[in-house]
Each structure stands twice: as C-alpha cells, then as structure tokens.
Amino acid sequence: MDPEYSIKRLTADKEKRMEKNYEIILLQLQDESIPYRLKAAEVLGRIGDERAVEPLICCLSDPVAEVCWVAAQSLGKLRDPRAVGPLIALLSSGDRWAKRGAAWSLGEIGDPRAVEPLLPLLKDRKKDVRVAAAEALGKIGDERAVAPLEAAAGDEEPEVRTAVRKALQMIRGQP
C-alpha cells in the first residue's frame, strides 16, 4: 500500500470527523440542556473556527446569563471583528457576568469602536465589571480612555485601582 495514499486518506477521514463533530456542537448550542449549551459555546471558542462567530453571536441573547457569558468569552478568543457590535450591545445588559464577559472579549478583539461604550462601565456598581472595563480599555490602547481612567484611579476598590493603573501604563506604552 502506498504510504502517501494512506496519509491522504487518514487526513480526509479526520477532516470528515471534525466536520461531523462541528455539526454536533452547533446542535448542542441550541439544546434545551444548559450544560450542553455551555459546553458547546466553550468548545467553539477553543477550536478557533471562524464559522462559529455567528452561532456564538446568537448565544448572546440566551435566556441563561452564564451561556451569554461563555459565548462572549468564546467570541473574544476568536477575535473576530464581526462580534464587536453584538458585544457592545451586551454591555448594557443588567447582568454583571454578561457585561464582564463582553468587556473582556472587546479587550481581546481590540477594536477602538468599543472604547466609548466601555467607559460607563468604569462606574458600574460591581467591582469586577469595573476591573474588566479597565483591562479592556488598556488592551485596546486608545487615548480617549485616558481621562476616564484617570478619573477612576481613585476607586475605593484596590483591584479596580490596580487595573486602572495597568491600563494607563498600557495606553502610555509604559512597562
């Protein structure tokens, strides 16, 4: 048997299995079982397939906040600019986990369109949301965030002050 033919056949079989698995994951993303939806959203972020962007964007409106959070994080891992608008919309969610996941993902994507929508989160009542917003603004590195970050430097929570200080250093190009 020709070894080159065997390798090609194995590769083709592997690609077929991967495609079948991808289809199963997409079905699980719509399953009534919350653990299935959570795991599917997580896996789609890990495999790095750009086809997952649109299905994950649909998950941002899942009635379960944890599913939204995991989907948002997976979109951040994919770093696809198509997710910016839907993630920005998620920033106005009443759920802190959804806002936190959206802020983190926007920082990972690094699109400057997210700067203005992230700024109000520096005053959110939940410190973890304020931290996520500061970190995202630092990753984006846009000068428009400097004055609002400086204003947040006096936050009562040390974790927020640390995140703000690091964000300002990143924007200013300081180590």
C-alpha atoms as a PDB file:
ATOM      1  CA  MET A   1       0.000   0.000   0.000  1.00  0.00           C
ATOM      2  CA  ASP A   2       1.241   3.466  -0.909  1.00  0.00           C
ATOM      3  CA  PRO A   3       2.108   5.381   2.335  1.00  0.00           C
ATOM      4  CA  GLU A   4       1.245   8.717   0.715  1.00  0.00           C
ATOM      5  CA  TYR A   5      -2.237   7.437  -0.152  1.00  0.00           C
ATOM      6  CA  SER A   6      -2.725   6.223   3.454  1.00  0.00           C
ATOM      7  CA  ILE A   7      -1.782   9.621   4.861  1.00  0.00           C
ATOM      8  CA  LYS A   8      -4.146  11.397   2.479  1.00  0.00           C
ATOM      9  CA  ARG A   9      -6.943   9.012   3.387  1.00  0.00           C
ATOM     10  CA  LEU A  10      -6.341   9.434   7.110  1.00  0.00           C
ATOM     11  CA  THR A  11      -6.315  13.197   6.714  1.00  0.00           C
ATOM     12  CA  ALA A  12      -9.560  13.130   4.759  1.00  0.00           C
ATOM     13  CA  ASP A  13     -11.174  10.862   7.375  1.00  0.00           C
ATOM     14  CA  LYS A  14     -10.028  13.178  10.141  1.00  0.00           C
ATOM     15  CA  GLU A  15     -11.490  16.209   8.352  1.00  0.00           C
ATOM     16  CA  LYS A  16     -14.819  14.401   7.908  1.00  0.00           C
ATOM     17  CA  ARG A  17     -14.910  13.526  11.614  1.00  0.00           C
ATOM     18  CA  MET A  18     -14.066  17.113  12.557  1.00  0.00           C
ATOM     19  CA  GLU A  19     -16.847  18.439  10.348  1.00  0.00           C
ATOM     20  CA  LYS A  20     -19.330  15.980  11.842  1.00  0.00           C
ATOM     21  CA  ASN A  21     -18.244  16.985  15.357  1.00  0.00           C
ATOM     22  CA  TYR A  22     -18.648  20.652  14.455  1.00  0.00           C
ATOM     23  CA  GLU A  23     -22.223  19.977  13.337  1.00  0.00           C
ATOM     24  CA  ILE A  24     -22.947  18.158  16.609  1.00  0.00           C
ATOM     25  CA  ILE A  25     -21.544  21.081  18.613  1.00  0.00           C
ATOM     26  CA  LEU A  26     -23.768  23.511  16.708  1.00  0.00           C
ATOM     27  CA  LEU A  27     -26.801  21.372  17.553  1.00  0.00           C
ATOM     28  CA  GLN A  28     -25.792  21.313  21.218  1.00  0.00           C
ATOM     29  CA  LEU A  29     -25.586  25.096  21.176  1.00  0.00           C
ATOM     30  CA  GLN A  30     -29.379  25.098  20.701  1.00  0.00           C
ATOM     31  CA  ASP A  31     -30.154  22.238  23.071  1.00  0.00           C
ATOM     32  CA  GLU A  32     -32.610  22.751  25.921  1.00  0.00           C
ATOM     33  CA  SER A  33     -29.958  21.478  28.331  1.00  0.00           C
ATOM     34  CA  ILE A  34     -27.997  24.375  29.821  1.00  0.00           C
ATOM     35  CA  PRO A  35     -24.820  22.298  30.386  1.00  0.00           C
ATOM     36  CA  TYR A  36     -24.852  21.259  26.714  1.00  0.00           C
ATOM     37  CA  ARG A  37     -25.178  24.879  25.578  1.00  0.00           C
ATOM     38  CA  LEU A  38     -22.414  25.985  27.955  1.00  0.00           C
ATOM     39  CA  LYS A  39     -20.002  23.289  26.817  1.00  0.00           C
ATOM     40  CA  ALA A  40     -20.785  23.861  23.138  1.00  0.00           C
ATOM     41  CA  ALA A  41     -20.147  27.614  23.473  1.00  0.00           C
ATOM     42  CA  GLU A  42     -16.880  26.930  25.273  1.00  0.00           C
ATOM     43  CA  VAL A  43     -15.698  24.389  22.697  1.00  0.00           C
ATOM     44  CA  LEU A  44     -16.497  26.691  19.779  1.00  0.00           C
ATOM     45  CA  GLY A  45     -14.180  29.300  21.266  1.00  0.00           C
ATOM     46  CA  ARG A  46     -11.442  26.739  21.768  1.00  0.00           C
ATOM     47  CA  ILE A  47     -11.447  25.223  18.286  1.00  0.00           C
ATOM     48  CA  GLY A  48     -10.917  28.613  16.655  1.00  0.00           C
ATOM     49  CA  ASP A  49     -13.158  28.105  13.630  1.00  0.00           C
ATOM     50  CA  GLU A  50     -14.395  31.428  12.258  1.00  0.00           C
ATOM     51  CA  ARG A  51     -17.687  29.770  11.261  1.00  0.00           C
ATOM     52  CA  ALA A  52     -18.521  29.752  14.980  1.00  0.00           C
ATOM     53  CA  VAL A  53     -18.808  33.556  15.182  1.00  0.00           C
ATOM     54  CA  GLU A  54     -22.417  33.861  14.009  1.00  0.00           C
ATOM     55  CA  PRO A  55     -23.757  30.970  16.130  1.00  0.00           C
ATOM     56  CA  LEU A  56     -21.961  32.387  19.177  1.00  0.00           C
ATOM     57  CA  ILE A  57     -23.396  35.838  18.495  1.00  0.00           C
ATOM     58  CA  CYS A  58     -26.849  34.234  18.588  1.00  0.00           C
ATOM     59  CA  CYS A  59     -25.995  32.819  22.025  1.00  0.00           C
ATOM     60  CA  LEU A  60     -25.501  36.330  23.393  1.00  0.00           C
ATOM     61  CA  SER A  61     -29.287  36.521  23.670  1.00  0.00           C
ATOM     62  CA  ASP A  62     -29.639  33.193  25.501  1.00  0.00           C
ATOM     63  CA  PRO A  63     -32.036  33.486  28.467  1.00  0.00           C
ATOM     64  CA  VAL A  64     -29.358  31.989  30.735  1.00  0.00           C
ATOM     65  CA  ALA A  65     -26.749  34.612  31.670  1.00  0.00           C
ATOM     66  CA  GLU A  66     -23.983  32.042  32.075  1.00  0.00           C
ATOM     67  CA  VAL A  67     -24.444  30.908  28.464  1.00  0.00           C
ATOM     68  CA  CYS A  68     -24.164  34.553  27.340  1.00  0.00           C
ATOM     69  CA  TRP A  69     -21.004  34.940  29.407  1.00  0.00           C
ATOM     70  CA  VAL A  70     -19.344  31.821  27.967  1.00  0.00           C
ATOM     71  CA  ALA A  71     -20.395  32.759  24.418  1.00  0.00           C
ATOM     72  CA  ALA A  72     -18.968  36.253  24.909  1.00  0.00           C
ATOM     73  CA  GLN A  73     -15.663  34.826  26.128  1.00  0.00           C
ATOM     74  CA  SER A  74     -15.509  32.455  23.173  1.00  0.00           C
ATOM     75  CA  LEU A  75     -16.052  35.371  20.810  1.00  0.00           C
ATOM     76  CA  GLY A  76     -13.129  37.127  22.478  1.00  0.00           C
ATOM     77  CA  LYS A  77     -10.945  34.090  21.887  1.00  0.00           C
ATOM     78  CA  LEU A  78     -11.901  34.116  18.210  1.00  0.00           C
ATOM     79  CA  ARG A  79     -11.047  37.853  17.959  1.00  0.00           C
ATOM     80  CA  ASP A  80     -13.385  38.387  15.031  1.00  0.00           C
ATOM     81  CA  PRO A  81     -14.498  41.999  14.415  1.00  0.00           C
ATOM     82  CA  ARG A  82     -17.998  40.799  13.454  1.00  0.00           C
ATOM     83  CA  ALA A  83     -18.613  40.261  17.163  1.00  0.00           C
ATOM     84  CA  VAL A  84     -17.879  43.862  18.199  1.00  0.00           C
ATOM     85  CA  GLY A  85     -21.380  45.283  17.645  1.00  0.00           C
ATOM     86  CA  PRO A  86     -23.223  42.459  19.436  1.00  0.00           C
ATOM     87  CA  LEU A  87     -20.703  42.528  22.300  1.00  0.00           C
ATOM     88  CA  ILE A  88     -21.132  46.293  22.646  1.00  0.00           C
ATOM     89  CA  ALA A  89     -24.887  45.732  22.875  1.00  0.00           C
ATOM     90  CA  LEU A  90     -24.287  43.190  25.650  1.00  0.00           C
ATOM     91  CA  LEU A  91     -22.518  45.857  27.729  1.00  0.00           C
ATOM     92  CA  SER A  92     -25.920  47.342  28.568  1.00  0.00           C
ATOM     93  CA  SER A  93     -27.164  44.043  29.974  1.00  0.00           C
ATOM     94  CA  GLY A  94     -28.392  44.085  33.535  1.00  0.00           C
ATOM     95  CA  ASP A  95     -26.319  41.003  34.267  1.00  0.00           C
ATOM     96  CA  ARG A  96     -22.821  41.583  35.601  1.00  0.00           C
ATOM     97  CA  TRP A  97     -21.459  38.348  34.105  1.00  0.00           C
ATOM     98  CA  ALA A  98     -22.692  39.255  30.642  1.00  0.00           C
ATOM     99  CA  LYS A  99     -21.165  42.739  30.932  1.00  0.00           C
ATOM    100  CA  ARG A 100     -17.919  41.336  32.286  1.00  0.00           C
ATOM    101  CA  GLY A 101     -17.655  38.734  29.513  1.00  0.00           C
ATOM    102  CA  ALA A 102     -18.451  41.312  26.848  1.00  0.00           C
ATOM    103  CA  ALA A 103     -15.872  43.755  28.232  1.00  0.00           C
ATOM    104  CA  TRP A 104     -13.177  41.071  28.364  1.00  0.00           C
ATOM    105  CA  SER A 105     -13.935  39.975  24.812  1.00  0.00           C
ATOM    106  CA  LEU A 106     -13.890  43.519  23.470  1.00  0.00           C
ATOM    107  CA  GLY A 107     -10.469  43.940  25.018  1.00  0.00           C
ATOM    108  CA  GLU A 108      -9.277  40.746  23.350  1.00  0.00           C
ATOM    109  CA  ILE A 109     -10.603  41.889  19.978  1.00  0.00           C
ATOM    110  CA  GLY A 110      -9.030  45.322  20.483  1.00  0.00           C
ATOM    111  CA  ASP A 111     -11.398  47.273  18.256  1.00  0.00           C
ATOM    112  CA  PRO A 112     -11.475  51.029  19.040  1.00  0.00           C
ATOM    113  CA  ARG A 113     -15.244  51.124  18.424  1.00  0.00           C
ATOM    114  CA  ALA A 114     -15.579  49.625  21.903  1.00  0.00           C
ATOM    115  CA  VAL A 115     -13.874  52.479  23.768  1.00  0.00           C
ATOM    116  CA  GLU A 116     -16.848  54.820  24.216  1.00  0.00           C
ATOM    117  CA  PRO A 117     -19.302  52.030  25.159  1.00  0.00           C
ATOM    118  CA  LEU A 118     -16.828  50.644  27.730  1.00  0.00           C
ATOM    119  CA  LEU A 119     -16.306  53.952  29.537  1.00  0.00           C
ATOM    120  CA  PRO A 120     -19.568  53.916  31.541  1.00  0.00           C
ATOM    121  CA  LEU A 121     -18.610  50.516  32.963  1.00  0.00           C
ATOM    122  CA  LEU A 122     -15.773  52.207  34.859  1.00  0.00           C
ATOM    123  CA  LYS A 123     -18.566  53.438  37.165  1.00  0.00           C
ATOM    124  CA  ASP A 124     -20.533  50.186  37.364  1.00  0.00           C
ATOM    125  CA  ARG A 125     -21.669  49.200  40.847  1.00  0.00           C
ATOM    126  CA  LYS A 126     -19.871  45.840  40.587  1.00  0.00           C
ATOM    127  CA  LYS A 127     -16.118  45.983  41.001  1.00  0.00           C
ATOM    128  CA  ASP A 128     -15.440  43.003  38.723  1.00  0.00           C
ATOM    129  CA  VAL A 129     -17.217  44.835  35.887  1.00  0.00           C
ATOM    130  CA  ARG A 130     -15.116  47.953  36.568  1.00  0.00           C
ATOM    131  CA  VAL A 131     -11.962  45.824  36.516  1.00  0.00           C
ATOM    132  CA  ALA A 132     -12.954  44.133  33.232  1.00  0.00           C
ATOM    133  CA  ALA A 133     -13.705  47.513  31.648  1.00  0.00           C
ATOM    134  CA  ALA A 134     -10.362  48.981  32.735  1.00  0.00           C
ATOM    135  CA  GLU A 135      -8.459  45.934  31.493  1.00  0.00           C
ATOM    136  CA  ALA A 136     -10.275  46.024  28.154  1.00  0.00           C
ATOM    137  CA  LEU A 137      -9.554  49.734  27.704  1.00  0.00           C
ATOM    138  CA  GLY A 138      -5.880  49.087  28.418  1.00  0.00           C
ATOM    139  CA  LYS A 139      -5.736  46.313  25.818  1.00  0.00           C
ATOM    140  CA  ILE A 140      -7.446  48.492  23.227  1.00  0.00           C
ATOM    141  CA  GLY A 141      -4.905  51.222  23.955  1.00  0.00           C
ATOM    142  CA  ASP A 142      -6.926  54.208  22.755  1.00  0.00           C
ATOM    143  CA  GLU A 143      -6.064  57.678  24.103  1.00  0.00           C
ATOM    144  CA  ARG A 144      -9.761  58.526  24.508  1.00  0.00           C
ATOM    145  CA  ALA A 145      -9.787  56.296  27.585  1.00  0.00           C
ATOM    146  CA  VAL A 146      -7.031  58.167  29.445  1.00  0.00           C
ATOM    147  CA  ALA A 147      -9.114  60.885  31.147  1.00  0.00           C
ATOM    148  CA  PRO A 148     -11.917  58.498  32.244  1.00  0.00           C
ATOM    149  CA  LEU A 149      -9.330  56.023  33.512  1.00  0.00           C
ATOM    150  CA  GLU A 150      -7.547  58.781  35.429  1.00  0.00           C
ATOM    151  CA  ALA A 151     -10.890  59.700  36.997  1.00  0.00           C
ATOM    152  CA  ALA A 152     -11.363  56.041  38.011  1.00  0.00           C
ATOM    153  CA  ALA A 153      -7.881  55.868  39.564  1.00  0.00           C
ATOM    154  CA  GLY A 154      -9.382  56.876  42.906  1.00  0.00           C
ATOM    155  CA  ASP A 155     -11.839  53.948  43.027  1.00  0.00           C
ATOM    156  CA  GLU A 156     -12.499  52.607  46.511  1.00  0.00           C
ATOM    157  CA  GLU A 157     -11.560  49.048  45.480  1.00  0.00           C
ATOM    158  CA  PRO A 158      -7.843  48.187  45.258  1.00  0.00           C
ATOM    159  CA  GLU A 159      -8.451  45.683  42.418  1.00  0.00           C
ATOM    160  CA  VAL A 160     -10.016  48.424  40.335  1.00  0.00           C
ATOM    161  CA  ARG A 161      -7.216  50.886  41.094  1.00  0.00           C
ATOM    162  CA  THR A 162      -4.643  48.256  40.059  1.00  0.00           C
ATOM    163  CA  ALA A 163      -6.484  47.506  36.800  1.00  0.00           C
ATOM    164  CA  VAL A 164      -6.785  51.242  36.051  1.00  0.00           C
ATOM    165  CA  ARG A 165      -3.085  51.823  36.727  1.00  0.00           C
ATOM    166  CA  LYS A 166      -2.102  48.924  34.436  1.00  0.00           C
ATOM    167  CA  ALA A 167      -4.482  50.134  31.725  1.00  0.00           C
ATOM    168  CA  LEU A 168      -2.988  53.618  31.817  1.00  0.00           C
ATOM    169  CA  GLN A 169       0.510  52.133  31.592  1.00  0.00           C
ATOM    170  CA  MET A 170      -0.502  50.056  28.569  1.00  0.00           C
ATOM    171  CA  ILE A 171      -2.024  53.055  26.809  1.00  0.00           C
ATOM    172  CA  ARG A 172       1.010  55.210  27.533  1.00  0.00           C
ATOM    173  CA  GLY A 173       3.396  52.445  26.455  1.00  0.00           C
ATOM    174  CA  GLN A 174       4.985  52.139  29.876  1.00  0.00           C
ATOM    175  CA  PRO A 175       6.258  48.846  31.271  1.00  0.00           C
END
